[in-house]
Protein backbone atom coordinates (compact mmCIF):
# COMPACT_ATOMS: atom_id res chain seq x y z
CA MET A 1 14.65 -12.03 -48.38
CA THR A 2 13.40 -10.77 -51.73
CA GLY A 3 13.21 -7.12 -52.69
CA GLN A 4 9.42 -7.17 -52.63
CA MET A 5 9.36 -8.63 -49.11
CA THR A 6 11.86 -6.00 -47.97
CA ARG A 7 9.73 -3.18 -49.38
CA ARG A 8 6.64 -4.56 -47.66
CA LEU A 9 8.49 -4.86 -44.40
CA TRP A 10 9.73 -1.27 -44.72
CA THR A 11 6.17 -0.11 -45.33
CA LEU A 12 4.92 -2.04 -42.30
CA HIS A 13 7.77 -0.65 -40.19
CA ARG A 14 7.01 2.94 -41.17
CA ILE A 15 3.26 2.65 -40.63
CA THR A 16 3.69 0.98 -37.24
CA GLY A 17 6.29 3.58 -36.29
CA VAL A 18 3.89 6.42 -37.06
CA ILE A 19 1.26 4.77 -34.87
CA VAL A 20 3.44 4.17 -31.81
CA THR A 21 5.96 7.06 -31.95
CA LEU A 22 4.16 9.49 -29.63
CA ASN A 23 3.18 6.71 -27.25
CA LEU A 24 6.74 5.36 -27.18
CA ALA A 25 8.12 8.82 -26.36
CA LEU A 26 5.61 9.29 -23.53
CA LEU A 27 6.04 5.81 -22.06
CA SER A 28 9.83 6.05 -22.29
CA LEU A 29 10.01 9.26 -20.25
CA THR A 30 7.40 8.24 -17.67
CA GLY A 31 8.94 4.77 -17.46
CA VAL A 32 12.40 6.18 -16.70
CA LEU A 33 10.93 8.14 -13.77
CA LEU A 34 8.93 5.15 -12.53
CA ILE A 35 12.07 2.99 -12.48
CA PHE A 36 13.07 5.08 -9.45
CA ARG A 37 9.59 5.17 -7.94
CA SER A 38 10.64 3.61 -4.62
CA GLU A 39 13.58 6.02 -4.30
CA LEU A 40 11.34 9.02 -5.05
CA GLU A 41 8.75 7.90 -2.51
CA LEU A 42 11.46 7.25 0.09
CA ALA A 43 12.80 10.77 -0.37
CA SER A 44 9.29 12.16 -0.09
CA LEU A 45 8.09 10.14 2.90
CA GLY A 46 11.31 10.18 4.90
CA ASP A 47 12.45 7.38 7.21
CA GLY A 48 9.18 7.19 9.14
CA GLY A 49 10.70 8.43 12.35
CA GLY A 50 13.13 5.58 12.87
CA THR A 51 12.85 1.86 13.52
CA ALA A 52 9.37 0.32 13.51
CA SER A 53 8.02 -0.06 17.05
CA LEU A 54 4.22 0.24 17.31
CA PRO A 55 2.13 -2.94 16.92
CA LEU A 56 0.11 -3.34 13.76
CA PRO A 57 -3.34 -3.08 15.46
CA ALA A 58 -2.36 0.30 16.94
CA LEU A 59 -1.34 1.60 13.50
CA ILE A 60 -4.62 0.44 11.96
CA ALA A 61 -6.55 2.07 14.82
CA ALA A 62 -4.72 5.37 14.21
CA ALA A 63 -5.81 5.33 10.56
CA GLU A 64 -9.41 4.45 11.46
CA GLN A 65 -9.52 7.22 14.06
CA ALA A 66 -8.28 9.74 11.51
CA HIS A 67 -10.82 8.57 8.93
CA PRO A 68 -14.07 7.75 10.72
CA GLY A 69 -16.60 6.03 8.49
CA LEU A 70 -13.92 4.20 6.52
CA ARG A 71 -12.67 0.65 7.02
CA PRO A 72 -9.47 -1.02 5.81
CA LEU A 73 -9.78 -2.79 2.49
CA ALA A 74 -6.11 -3.76 2.21
CA LEU A 75 -2.78 -3.27 3.96
CA ASP A 76 0.61 -2.66 2.37
CA LEU A 77 2.82 -4.05 5.14
CA GLN A 78 6.15 -3.17 3.52
CA LYS A 79 5.52 0.41 2.46
CA ASN A 80 8.75 2.37 2.13
CA GLY A 81 10.81 -0.69 3.04
CA GLY A 82 8.65 -1.42 6.09
CA ARG A 83 9.06 2.06 7.57
CA HIS A 84 5.41 2.85 6.95
CA LEU A 85 2.10 1.04 6.81
CA GLY A 86 -0.09 1.73 3.80
CA LEU A 87 -3.86 1.30 4.08
CA PHE A 88 -6.51 1.38 1.35
CA MET A 89 -9.80 2.38 2.95
CA GLN A 90 -13.42 2.53 1.80
CA PRO A 91 -16.81 2.96 3.49
CA PRO A 92 -18.34 -0.32 4.75
CA GLY A 93 -19.95 -2.33 1.96
CA ILE A 94 -17.67 -1.01 -0.80
CA GLY A 95 -15.05 -3.49 -1.97
CA ALA A 96 -13.67 -1.69 -5.03
CA PHE A 97 -10.14 -0.29 -4.95
CA ASP A 98 -11.03 2.37 -7.48
CA GLY A 99 -11.55 5.56 -5.49
CA ALA A 100 -10.18 4.11 -2.26
CA THR A 101 -8.51 6.47 0.20
CA GLU A 102 -4.85 5.60 0.69
CA VAL A 103 -3.52 6.35 4.17
CA ILE A 104 0.17 6.16 5.08
CA VAL A 105 1.08 5.68 8.76
CA SER A 106 4.53 5.88 10.32
CA ARG A 107 5.32 2.58 12.00
CA ALA A 108 7.51 4.31 14.55
CA ASP A 109 4.98 6.68 16.13
CA GLY A 110 1.65 6.14 14.37
CA THR A 111 1.52 9.56 12.77
CA LEU A 112 -0.19 9.94 9.41
CA THR A 113 2.11 11.08 6.65
CA GLU A 114 1.17 13.23 3.69
CA SER A 115 3.32 12.74 0.61
CA LEU A 116 3.03 14.90 -2.47
CA GLY A 117 5.78 12.80 -4.01
CA HIS A 118 3.71 9.67 -3.47
CA GLU A 119 0.71 11.27 -5.17
CA ALA A 120 2.92 12.36 -8.07
CA THR A 121 4.30 8.86 -8.64
CA ASP A 122 0.78 7.42 -8.47
CA TRP A 123 -0.30 9.91 -11.15
CA LEU A 124 2.75 9.03 -13.26
CA LEU A 125 1.96 5.32 -12.97
CA ASP A 126 -1.64 5.93 -14.02
CA LEU A 127 -0.42 7.96 -17.01
CA HIS A 128 2.11 5.29 -17.94
CA ALA A 129 -0.29 2.35 -17.53
CA SER A 130 -3.56 3.73 -18.87
CA LEU A 131 -2.98 7.23 -20.28
CA LEU A 132 -5.37 8.38 -17.51
CA LEU A 133 -8.22 6.66 -19.39
CA GLY A 134 -8.95 3.75 -17.05
CA PHE A 135 -9.44 0.24 -18.45
CA PRO A 136 -9.88 1.41 -22.09
CA GLY A 137 -6.54 3.18 -21.76
CA LYS A 138 -4.92 -0.01 -20.46
CA VAL A 139 -6.21 -1.92 -23.47
CA LEU A 140 -4.83 0.83 -25.72
CA VAL A 141 -1.43 0.74 -24.01
CA GLY A 142 -1.40 -3.06 -24.25
CA GLY A 143 -2.08 -2.79 -27.98
CA PHE A 144 0.74 -0.25 -28.33
CA GLY A 145 3.04 -2.67 -26.51
CA LEU A 146 2.28 -5.46 -28.97
CA ALA A 147 2.69 -3.05 -31.90
CA LEU A 148 6.04 -1.93 -30.49
CA PHE A 149 7.13 -5.58 -30.27
CA GLY A 150 6.36 -5.96 -33.99
CA LEU A 151 8.05 -2.66 -34.79
CA ILE A 152 11.29 -3.65 -33.08
CA GLY A 153 11.23 -7.08 -34.71
CA SER A 154 10.82 -5.62 -38.20
CA GLY A 155 13.49 -3.01 -37.48
CA LEU A 156 16.04 -5.63 -36.40
CA VAL A 157 15.32 -7.70 -39.51
CA LEU A 158 15.79 -4.65 -41.74
CA TYR A 159 19.01 -3.72 -39.93
CA GLY A 160 20.56 -7.08 -40.81
CA PRO A 161 21.46 -6.34 -44.48
CA PHE A 162 23.02 -3.02 -43.48
CA MET A 163 25.17 -4.84 -40.92
CA LYS A 164 26.53 -7.07 -43.67
CA ARG A 165 27.85 -4.02 -45.53
CA ALA A 166 29.22 -2.01 -42.59
CA ALA A 167 30.58 -2.58 -39.10
CA PHE A 168 28.20 -2.35 -36.17
CA GLY A 169 27.84 1.27 -35.06
CA THR A 170 28.69 2.77 -38.43
CA VAL A 171 27.08 6.19 -38.90
CA ARG A 172 27.59 7.77 -42.29
CA LYS A 173 28.23 11.51 -42.12
CA ASN A 174 26.64 12.47 -45.44
CA PRO A 175 24.03 13.03 -46.56
CA ARG A 176 22.09 14.19 -43.50
CA GLY A 177 19.26 11.71 -44.11
CA ALA A 178 21.69 8.78 -44.15
CA ARG A 179 23.36 9.96 -40.96
CA LEU A 180 20.01 10.24 -39.22
CA ARG A 181 18.85 6.83 -40.45
CA ASP A 182 22.11 5.23 -39.34
CA THR A 183 21.77 6.81 -35.90
CA HIS A 184 18.23 5.46 -35.69
CA LYS A 185 19.41 1.97 -36.67
CA LEU A 186 22.24 2.10 -34.14
CA ILE A 187 19.95 3.11 -31.27
CA GLY A 188 17.48 0.44 -32.32
CA GLY A 189 20.18 -2.21 -32.46
CA VAL A 190 21.40 -1.37 -28.96
CA SER A 191 18.03 -0.91 -27.31
CA GLY A 192 16.12 -3.50 -29.35
CA PRO A 193 16.40 -6.45 -26.93
CA PHE A 194 15.45 -4.16 -24.04
CA LEU A 195 12.41 -2.90 -25.94
CA VAL A 196 11.32 -6.45 -26.73
CA VAL A 197 11.36 -7.23 -23.01
CA VAL A 198 9.55 -4.08 -21.86
CA SER A 199 7.00 -4.14 -24.69
CA LEU A 200 5.91 -7.70 -23.91
CA SER A 201 5.99 -7.25 -20.13
CA GLY A 202 4.18 -3.92 -20.51
CA ALA A 203 1.44 -5.51 -22.61
CA ILE A 204 1.00 -8.22 -19.96
CA LEU A 205 0.77 -5.63 -17.18
CA ALA A 206 -1.65 -3.46 -19.14
CA LEU A 207 -4.00 -6.43 -19.55
CA GLU A 208 -3.55 -7.65 -15.96
CA GLU A 209 -7.28 -7.68 -15.28
CA ILE A 210 -7.73 -10.59 -17.71
CA PRO A 211 -5.59 -13.20 -15.85
CA VAL A 212 -6.88 -11.95 -12.48
CA THR A 213 -10.47 -12.38 -13.66
CA ILE A 214 -9.69 -15.87 -15.00
CA TRP A 215 -8.27 -16.82 -11.59
CA GLN A 216 -11.30 -15.39 -9.80
CA MET A 217 -13.71 -17.31 -12.03
CA THR A 218 -11.86 -20.63 -11.79
CA GLU A 219 -9.51 -21.33 -8.89
CA LEU A 220 -10.97 -18.82 -6.43
CA VAL A 221 -14.46 -20.24 -6.98
CA THR A 222 -13.12 -23.70 -6.11
CA LEU A 223 -11.28 -22.41 -3.04
CA THR A 224 -14.35 -20.65 -1.66
CA ALA A 225 -16.92 -23.29 -2.65
CA ASP A 226 -17.52 -24.30 0.99
CA ALA A 227 -17.86 -20.72 2.25
CA PRO A 228 -21.27 -19.74 3.68
CA ASP A 229 -23.62 -17.68 1.53
CA GLN A 230 -23.55 -14.79 3.99
CA ALA A 231 -20.28 -13.11 4.94
CA SER A 232 -19.31 -12.89 8.61
CA ASP A 233 -20.12 -9.46 10.02
CA PRO A 234 -17.98 -8.51 11.76
CA PRO A 235 -15.14 -10.84 10.73
CA VAL A 236 -12.61 -12.13 13.24
CA SER A 237 -9.83 -9.71 14.06
CA LEU A 238 -6.73 -9.55 11.91
CA SER A 239 -4.62 -10.63 14.92
CA ARG A 240 -6.72 -13.74 15.43
CA ALA A 241 -6.59 -14.58 11.73
CA PHE A 242 -2.79 -14.32 11.71
CA ASP A 243 -2.51 -16.42 14.87
CA ALA A 244 -4.74 -19.11 13.38
CA ALA A 245 -2.53 -19.28 10.29
CA GLY A 246 0.64 -19.44 12.39
CA LEU A 247 1.80 -16.06 11.11
CA ASP A 248 3.42 -13.19 12.97
CA LEU A 249 1.95 -9.73 12.45
CA ASP A 250 5.55 -8.55 12.02
CA ASP A 251 6.42 -11.32 9.54
CA PRO A 252 8.92 -9.70 7.11
CA LEU A 253 7.76 -12.00 4.30
CA ALA A 254 4.13 -10.87 4.61
CA THR A 255 3.82 -7.99 2.18
CA PHE A 256 0.12 -7.41 1.58
CA VAL A 257 -3.20 -8.22 3.25
CA LEU A 258 -6.65 -8.16 1.68
CA TYR A 259 -9.57 -7.83 4.07
CA PRO A 260 -12.85 -9.74 3.60
CA GLY A 261 -15.24 -7.93 1.28
CA ASN A 262 -12.72 -6.78 -1.32
CA GLU A 263 -13.32 -7.08 -5.05
CA LEU A 264 -10.35 -9.38 -5.65
CA THR A 265 -10.82 -12.30 -3.26
CA GLY A 266 -14.39 -11.87 -2.09
CA GLU A 267 -16.36 -11.74 1.13
CA HIS A 268 -15.20 -14.67 3.19
CA HIS A 269 -11.43 -14.58 3.65
CA TYR A 270 -8.47 -12.60 4.76
CA THR A 271 -5.82 -13.05 2.08
CA VAL A 272 -2.16 -12.68 3.02
CA PHE A 273 0.52 -12.37 0.33
CA ARG A 274 3.83 -13.90 1.45
CA LYS A 275 6.90 -13.48 -0.74
CA GLY A 276 9.90 -15.78 -1.09
CA LYS A 277 13.07 -15.21 0.86
CA GLU A 278 15.60 -14.29 -1.79
CA GLY A 279 16.40 -14.01 -5.47
CA LEU A 280 13.63 -14.50 -7.98
CA ALA A 281 11.34 -15.84 -5.24
CA GLU A 282 11.18 -12.34 -3.72
CA ASN A 283 8.93 -11.37 -6.62
CA LEU A 284 6.62 -14.40 -6.25
CA PHE A 285 3.92 -14.91 -3.65
CA THR A 286 2.13 -17.64 -1.79
CA LEU A 287 -1.45 -16.72 -0.94
CA VAL A 288 -2.72 -17.61 2.53
CA LEU A 289 -6.54 -17.60 2.66
CA ILE A 290 -7.90 -17.44 6.22
CA ASP A 291 -11.59 -18.00 6.94
CA ALA A 292 -12.94 -14.68 8.27
CA ALA A 293 -15.87 -16.23 10.14
CA ALA A 294 -13.99 -18.36 12.66
CA ALA A 295 -10.38 -18.51 11.39
CA ASN A 296 -10.64 -22.31 11.37
CA THR A 297 -9.96 -22.89 7.67
CA ILE A 298 -6.51 -22.07 6.36
CA GLN A 299 -5.50 -22.55 2.71
CA HIS A 300 -2.03 -22.02 1.27
CA VAL A 301 -2.29 -21.38 -2.46
CA GLU A 302 0.44 -21.22 -5.08
CA PRO A 303 -0.56 -18.89 -7.94
CA PRO A 304 -1.12 -20.53 -11.34
CA TRP A 305 1.41 -20.07 -14.11
CA TYR A 306 -0.38 -17.12 -15.72
CA LEU A 307 -0.39 -15.15 -12.44
CA THR A 308 3.28 -16.05 -11.97
CA VAL A 309 3.99 -14.52 -15.40
CA LEU A 310 2.05 -11.43 -14.36
CA LEU A 311 3.93 -11.14 -11.05
CA LEU A 312 7.32 -11.44 -12.75
CA SER A 313 6.42 -8.94 -15.47
CA GLY A 314 6.26 -5.98 -13.07
CA PRO A 315 9.83 -6.13 -11.72
CA LEU A 316 11.11 -7.07 -15.17
CA HIS A 317 9.35 -4.11 -16.81
CA PHE A 318 10.81 -1.59 -14.35
CA GLY A 319 14.23 -3.21 -13.82
CA ASN A 320 13.68 -4.17 -10.18
CA TYR A 321 15.63 -7.41 -10.28
CA GLY A 322 19.24 -6.34 -9.84
CA GLY A 323 19.27 -3.32 -7.54
CA LEU A 324 20.48 0.14 -8.51
CA PRO A 325 22.93 -0.97 -11.28
CA LEU A 326 20.14 -2.62 -13.26
CA LYS A 327 17.84 0.35 -12.65
CA LEU A 328 20.49 2.69 -14.05
CA ALA A 329 20.94 0.44 -17.08
CA TRP A 330 17.16 0.30 -17.59
CA ALA A 331 16.96 4.09 -17.31
CA GLY A 332 19.71 4.55 -19.90
CA LEU A 333 18.00 2.17 -22.30
CA GLY A 334 14.69 3.92 -21.65
CA LEU A 335 16.23 7.23 -22.68
CA GLY A 336 17.59 5.42 -25.72
CA ALA A 337 14.04 4.38 -26.57
CA PHE A 338 13.01 8.04 -26.38
CA GLY A 339 15.85 8.88 -28.78
CA LEU A 340 14.70 6.06 -31.05
CA SER A 341 11.22 7.58 -31.30
CA LEU A 342 12.66 11.05 -32.07
CA THR A 343 15.12 9.89 -34.73
CA GLY A 344 12.50 7.66 -36.32
CA ALA A 345 9.96 10.48 -36.54
CA TRP A 346 12.61 12.88 -37.86
CA ALA A 347 13.82 10.42 -40.50
CA PHE A 348 10.24 9.79 -41.59
CA ALA A 349 9.54 13.52 -41.85
CA ILE A 350 12.67 14.11 -43.99
CA ARG A 351 11.82 11.21 -46.26
CA ARG A 352 8.22 12.37 -46.57
CA ARG A 353 9.29 15.91 -47.40
CA SER A 354 11.69 14.64 -50.05
CA THR A 355 8.95 12.53 -51.62
CA ILE A 356 6.56 15.49 -51.75
CA THR A 357 9.27 17.68 -53.30
CA GLU A 358 10.02 15.09 -55.99
CA GLU A 359 6.32 14.74 -56.82
CA SER A 360 5.75 18.50 -57.05
CA PRO A 361 5.49 19.87 -60.66
């Protein structure tokens, strides 16, 4: 690489670093906390009163009785490891999840559970994913993710020549600027591959509405082409829909249910998400679409490749593939990313101050 190319790459690296530094610091800290989201929610919600015992219809009825005027929009069947049932509820006729009331019911005794910890992690996730700015914030975070990918790539390329002159991990003690730059390079070298993974997966997650919309406008339209123009009101019961599909209401592989009339899968079907049994398949889903009018049409749908990429990006981004050891490693690397943003900003400030001093008369 020529000297001119190196100087241009340094300039690009510095400019990109200035743009993403604050965002990287914020996303690193919130991301470290969100890695342990399930553990934090478990500590907040408790064990749900013991082993699950009440039937699913009774739990749904308890939520509806506590919130008259609202109807279930979706069910999280494996909330808190299956100890609780999560319901997203809206008034009849509203299918949007934005603004939905989330209700958490103990599976053991049907009591409704309030969780400040759950609300806090939801707020953290919103901050991490969209900077509390909704869809424009998601687009901004996705752009930051792509910029971070370029920043790490340029940094690793620039670190190469230094590695030829010194052993990996070398940190010069003097002068202070060199020591700080070497520390920055070392942190970047260690955390670089991790940041490549989380920046790309984070950008995919931030722009998740794009692949979902593509699926809705293509494959979902084909799947629901034979559905009647008017939705069934009321639809068949959830129990009947599960029976028609040959599913058990207590099926441990059924993780999520969308009711008819939601904004994702439309007016005419119950949609059941069933995960794989083990390994990587636990993070992938088969969709079971059940006709809500008479439960006589059952469709088993494998998600297209772009939804598979989206589904795998979530666990990969938050280190949910390898249990607690991987989460701890992800958390350590996340703190390293925070240190990378601090040392980079500090090194830039020192260099900038030195330049101003040299240019002063």
